[in-house]
Protein backbone atom coordinates (compact mmCIF):
# COMPACT_ATOMS: atom_id res chain seq x y z
CA MET A 1 34.57 124.16 68.98
CA HIS A 2 32.24 123.39 71.85
CA PRO A 3 32.87 122.48 75.51
CA VAL A 4 31.34 119.05 76.07
CA LEU A 5 30.69 117.10 79.26
CA GLU A 6 30.63 113.32 79.43
CA ALA A 7 27.14 112.53 80.71
CA ALA A 8 26.44 109.95 83.40
CA ALA A 9 23.61 107.43 83.16
CA PRO A 10 20.48 108.98 84.71
CA ASP A 11 18.87 105.61 85.58
CA GLY A 12 16.94 105.85 88.82
CA PHE A 13 18.13 109.36 89.67
CA ALA A 14 15.39 111.30 91.48
CA LEU A 15 17.03 114.09 93.51
CA TRP A 16 16.16 116.69 90.85
CA PRO A 17 14.82 116.66 87.25
CA VAL A 18 17.24 115.38 84.60
CA ALA A 19 17.10 114.88 80.84
CA LEU A 20 17.26 111.46 79.24
CA VAL A 21 20.56 111.62 77.38
CA GLU A 22 22.85 108.98 75.99
CA PRO A 23 24.96 107.64 78.89
CA TYR A 24 28.65 108.46 78.44
CA GLY A 25 27.86 110.57 75.39
CA PHE A 26 28.91 114.21 75.20
CA LEU A 27 26.57 116.97 76.34
CA PRO A 28 27.52 120.39 74.87
CA LEU A 29 27.56 123.10 77.54
CA SER A 30 26.20 126.56 76.82
CA GLY A 31 23.61 129.02 78.00
CA GLU A 32 21.00 127.34 75.76
CA LEU A 33 20.47 124.17 77.82
CA THR A 34 17.03 123.28 79.17
CA PRO A 35 16.59 123.03 82.96
CA TYR A 36 16.54 119.22 82.64
CA GLU A 37 19.82 119.28 80.69
CA VAL A 38 21.41 121.50 83.35
CA GLY A 39 20.22 118.96 85.90
CA THR A 40 21.90 116.18 83.94
CA ALA A 41 25.13 118.16 83.75
CA LEU A 42 25.21 118.77 87.49
CA MET A 43 24.28 115.16 88.22
CA SER A 44 27.12 113.95 85.97
CA ILE A 45 29.75 116.21 87.56
CA ALA A 46 28.62 115.37 91.10
CA ALA A 47 28.59 111.63 90.36
CA TYR A 48 32.09 111.81 88.84
CA ASN A 49 33.44 113.47 91.99
CA ASP A 50 31.64 111.17 94.42
CA PRO A 51 34.69 108.91 94.99
CA ALA A 52 36.45 111.99 96.38
CA ALA A 53 33.99 112.07 99.30
CA GLY A 54 35.69 111.46 102.62
CA SER A 55 34.36 111.18 106.13
CA GLY A 56 31.47 113.30 107.34
CA ARG A 57 29.08 112.42 104.52
CA PRO A 58 25.63 113.83 105.40
CA ALA A 59 22.85 111.37 106.13
CA ASP A 60 20.27 112.98 103.85
CA PRO A 61 20.30 111.71 100.23
CA LEU A 62 20.80 115.15 98.63
CA GLY A 63 23.62 116.20 100.95
CA SER A 64 25.23 112.77 100.56
CA PHE A 65 25.16 112.93 96.76
CA LEU A 66 26.63 116.44 96.65
CA HIS A 67 29.21 115.79 99.37
CA GLY A 68 32.04 114.69 97.07
CA LEU A 69 31.61 117.63 94.70
CA LEU A 70 31.37 120.19 97.51
CA THR A 71 34.31 118.88 99.54
CA ALA A 72 36.77 117.79 96.83
CA GLU A 73 39.94 119.89 96.74
CA ASP A 74 40.14 119.45 92.97
CA ALA A 75 36.67 118.93 91.53
CA LEU A 76 36.77 117.55 87.98
CA ALA A 77 34.40 117.52 85.02
CA PRO A 78 34.97 114.70 82.48
CA GLY A 79 35.03 115.94 78.91
CA GLY A 80 36.82 118.70 77.06
CA MET A 81 36.60 120.55 73.76
CA ARG A 82 34.97 118.99 70.72
CA VAL A 83 36.12 120.41 67.37
CA THR A 84 34.18 119.55 64.23
CA ASP A 85 35.32 120.24 60.68
CA SER A 86 32.15 121.63 59.09
CA SER A 87 33.38 120.80 55.59
CA THR A 88 34.21 117.11 56.13
CA GLY A 89 32.33 116.20 59.32
CA ALA A 90 35.55 114.99 60.95
CA ALA A 91 35.50 115.37 64.73
CA PHE A 92 38.22 115.86 67.33
CA LEU A 93 36.95 114.55 70.68
CA PRO A 94 38.44 114.53 74.16
CA GLY A 95 39.73 111.14 75.27
CA CYS A 96 39.45 109.29 78.55
CA CYS A 97 40.79 111.04 81.67
CA ASN A 98 40.58 114.46 80.04
CA GLY A 99 38.59 117.09 81.90
CA LEU A 100 36.99 120.41 81.14
CA GLU A 101 39.03 121.93 83.97
CA GLU A 102 42.02 121.49 81.63
CA TRP A 103 40.58 123.52 78.77
CA ARG A 104 43.30 126.16 79.09
CA ASP A 105 45.77 123.58 77.77
CA TRP A 106 44.61 124.90 74.40
CA CYS A 107 46.42 128.13 75.28
CA GLU A 108 49.61 126.08 75.53
CA VAL A 109 49.07 125.01 71.93
CA LEU A 110 48.46 128.59 70.78
CA ASP A 111 50.94 130.56 72.85
CA GLY A 112 53.07 128.13 74.85
CA GLY A 113 54.98 125.01 73.90
CA GLY A 114 52.90 124.48 70.77
CA SER A 115 51.34 121.10 71.61
CA ALA A 116 49.10 119.33 74.10
CA GLY A 117 47.38 115.98 74.56
CA PHE A 118 43.70 115.69 75.44
CA GLY A 119 43.21 112.22 76.88
CA HIS A 120 43.63 108.69 75.60
CA ASP A 121 41.47 106.07 73.88
CA PRO A 122 41.33 108.06 71.63
CA ASP A 123 44.73 109.70 71.97
CA ALA A 124 43.69 113.21 70.97
CA TYR A 125 46.62 115.52 70.23
CA ALA A 126 46.99 119.10 69.01
CA GLU A 127 50.22 120.56 67.64
CA ARG A 128 51.07 123.92 66.15
CA PHE A 129 53.02 124.21 62.93
CA GLY A 130 53.66 127.87 62.17
CA GLY A 131 50.32 129.50 61.48
CA THR A 132 48.35 126.24 61.56
CA VAL A 133 47.28 123.87 64.34
CA ARG A 134 46.93 120.21 63.42
CA LEU A 135 44.35 118.27 65.43
CA THR A 136 44.89 114.52 65.32
CA ALA A 137 41.81 112.71 66.60
CA ASP A 138 43.77 109.58 67.57
CA THR A 139 47.54 109.36 67.29
CA GLY A 140 47.25 105.60 67.81
CA ARG A 141 45.55 105.23 64.43
CA GLY A 142 47.43 105.88 61.22
CA ASP A 143 44.17 106.48 59.35
CA GLY A 144 42.45 108.63 61.99
CA PRO A 145 40.87 111.99 61.17
CA VAL A 146 43.09 115.08 61.08
CA ILE A 147 41.78 118.63 61.18
CA GLU A 148 43.94 121.64 60.36
CA VAL A 149 42.88 125.02 61.72
CA PRO A 150 44.58 128.42 61.26
CA VAL A 151 45.90 129.74 64.56
CA SER A 152 43.80 132.89 64.30
CA GLU A 153 40.63 130.84 63.73
CA LEU A 154 41.37 128.46 66.60
CA ARG A 155 41.93 131.43 68.90
CA ARG A 156 38.51 132.78 67.89
CA LEU A 157 36.91 129.39 68.45
CA LEU A 158 38.48 129.05 71.89
CA GLU A 159 37.19 132.46 72.90
CA GLY A 160 33.72 131.35 71.85
CA ALA A 161 34.03 128.14 73.84
CA GLU A 162 35.04 130.14 76.91
CA ARG A 163 31.92 132.26 76.49
CA ASP A 164 29.85 129.07 76.29
CA LEU A 165 31.31 127.91 79.61
CA ALA A 166 30.58 131.25 81.25
CA ALA A 167 27.02 131.22 79.90
CA PHE A 168 26.50 127.68 81.20
CA LEU A 169 27.77 128.67 84.65
CA ALA A 170 25.40 131.62 84.78
CA LEU A 171 22.54 129.35 83.73
CA ALA A 172 23.52 126.70 86.29
CA ASP A 173 23.69 129.35 89.02
CA GLY A 174 20.06 130.28 88.41
CA TRP A 175 19.15 126.59 88.20
CA ALA A 176 20.79 125.86 91.57
CA SER A 177 18.96 128.76 93.19
CA ARG A 178 15.70 127.16 92.07
CA TYR A 179 16.37 123.46 92.60
CA LEU A 180 19.06 123.48 95.32
CA PRO A 181 18.39 126.66 97.32
CA GLY A 182 20.17 125.34 100.39
CA HIS A 183 23.33 124.51 98.42
CA ALA A 184 23.34 127.15 95.66
CA ALA A 185 26.44 129.08 96.77
CA PRO A 186 28.77 126.08 97.31
CA VAL A 187 27.47 124.43 94.13
CA ARG A 188 28.29 127.61 92.17
CA SER A 189 31.82 127.62 93.55
CA ALA A 190 32.36 123.89 92.95
CA LEU A 191 31.07 124.04 89.38
CA ALA A 192 33.30 127.00 88.52
CA HIS A 193 36.32 125.13 89.89
CA ALA A 194 35.41 121.92 88.05
CA LEU A 195 35.19 123.84 84.76
CA GLY A 196 38.38 125.82 85.27
CA MET A 197 36.52 129.13 85.37
CA PRO A 198 36.51 132.02 87.86
CA GLU A 199 33.51 131.93 90.19
CA SER A 200 32.54 135.40 88.97
CA ALA A 201 31.73 133.84 85.61
CA ALA A 202 28.71 132.17 87.22
CA SER A 203 27.05 135.55 87.69
CA PRO A 204 25.38 137.11 84.64
CA PRO A 205 26.60 140.61 83.81
CA LEU A 206 24.59 143.55 85.14
CA PRO A 207 22.44 145.33 82.52
């Protein structure tokens, strides 16, 4: 299980360095990303939240691009959790309109109502049956992949994915201090909100 972000097309973007990734493909988030990949992640999240920008957009290109992300009441990050069956290669991917800020819906599967949907096209759905969670990659397809995971294993995987998000936030905090020194603090707060994480997770632990 890995937290993945839907990447935006980097064509023509020049406000900070970005990696050349497949547009609208999934970028796994962790503390292992290169600075260019972190730049792509931040660009993608800021671009996704740009329609939320209201009045008072700054005139400078950098401030204008970040305005939506930094002023949105509910910043979002398109993507979710990708689960891959290592034995078969089958993959469970987040669908359209699912966001990483909703990752705690997996807790509803484990300890709440026992089921949750994760977007559409594909219609990704997870449901608990006793000690097993069944992940249906697309409920709209009768022949779509299905992955079954023991509850205890899925809980372990989710804890690992949460650590990946925290490690990415810590990495992005250092990145913002280097590339966006005038916006580092609000960017840290906005990213944490968009990923459904406490802002304290953006700070690496003291030695």
